[in-house]
């Protein structure tokens, strides 16, 4: 629970929002990469 409160406090800072956007973008592309259809390697 304390970690969640720390994240909420961090998001109140401008640099915290920038870090959050970067983390969300990295997570999005990672999930997209993991669930991508494998290309045929013929």
C-alpha atoms as a PDB file:
ATOM      1  CA  UNK A   1       0.000   0.000   0.000  1.00  0.00           C
ATOM      2  CA  UNK A   2       2.855   2.354   0.787  1.00  0.00           C
ATOM      3  CA  UNK A   3       4.283   1.893  -2.711  1.00  0.00           C
ATOM      4  CA  UNK A   4       0.965   2.997  -4.239  1.00  0.00           C
ATOM      5  CA  UNK A   5       0.966   6.136  -2.097  1.00  0.00           C
ATOM      6  CA  UNK A   6       4.572   6.858  -3.161  1.00  0.00           C
ATOM      7  CA  UNK A   7       3.560   6.585  -6.836  1.00  0.00           C
ATOM      8  CA  UNK A   8       0.595   8.922  -6.305  1.00  0.00           C
ATOM      9  CA  UNK A   9       2.870  11.458  -4.614  1.00  0.00           C
ATOM     10  CA  UNK A  10       5.384  11.137  -7.474  1.00  0.00           C
ATOM     11  CA  UNK A  11       2.654  11.796 -10.066  1.00  0.00           C
ATOM     12  CA  UNK A  12       1.961  15.182  -8.472  1.00  0.00           C
ATOM     13  CA  UNK A  13       5.433  16.312  -9.616  1.00  0.00           C
ATOM     14  CA  UNK A  14       6.005  17.284 -13.274  1.00  0.00           C
ATOM     15  CA  UNK A  15       9.037  15.001 -13.619  1.00  0.00           C
ATOM     16  CA  UNK A  16       7.037  12.180 -12.035  1.00  0.00           C
ATOM     17  CA  UNK A  17       4.447  12.493 -14.801  1.00  0.00           C
ATOM     18  CA  UNK A  18       7.186  12.313 -17.441  1.00  0.00           C
ATOM     19  CA  UNK A  19       8.572   9.148 -15.850  1.00  0.00           C
ATOM     20  CA  UNK A  20       5.059   7.649 -15.695  1.00  0.00           C
ATOM     21  CA  UNK A  21       4.449   8.352 -19.403  1.00  0.00           C
ATOM     22  CA  UNK A  22       7.783   6.729 -20.314  1.00  0.00           C
ATOM     23  CA  UNK A  23       7.059   3.655 -18.167  1.00  0.00           C
ATOM     24  CA  UNK A  24       3.570   3.289 -19.676  1.00  0.00           C
ATOM     25  CA  UNK A  25       4.973   3.605 -23.223  1.00  0.00           C
ATOM     26  CA  UNK A  26       7.683   1.005 -22.564  1.00  0.00           C
ATOM     27  CA  UNK A  27       5.107  -1.337 -21.017  1.00  0.00           C
ATOM     28  CA  UNK A  28       2.753  -0.872 -23.968  1.00  0.00           C
ATOM     29  CA  UNK A  29       5.417  -1.660 -26.570  1.00  0.00           C
ATOM     30  CA  UNK A  30       6.697  -4.616 -24.512  1.00  0.00           C
ATOM     31  CA  UNK A  31       3.207  -6.144 -24.326  1.00  0.00           C
ATOM     32  CA  UNK A  32       2.684  -5.460 -28.035  1.00  0.00           C
ATOM     33  CA  UNK A  33       6.004  -7.178 -28.804  1.00  0.00           C
ATOM     34  CA  UNK A  34       5.231 -10.190 -26.588  1.00  0.00           C
ATOM     35  CA  UNK A  35       1.789 -10.777 -28.097  1.00  0.00           C
ATOM     36  CA  UNK A  36       2.803 -10.065 -31.711  1.00  0.00           C
ATOM     37  CA  UNK A  37       2.144 -12.807 -34.210  1.00  0.00           C
ATOM     38  CA  UNK A  38       5.400 -14.590 -35.039  1.00  0.00           C
ATOM     39  CA  UNK A  39       6.553 -13.912 -38.564  1.00  0.00           C
ATOM     40  CA  UNK A  40       7.081 -16.901 -40.844  1.00  0.00           C
ATOM     41  CA  UNK A  41      10.789 -17.532 -41.251  1.00  0.00           C
ATOM     42  CA  UNK A  42      10.934 -19.517 -44.481  1.00  0.00           C
END
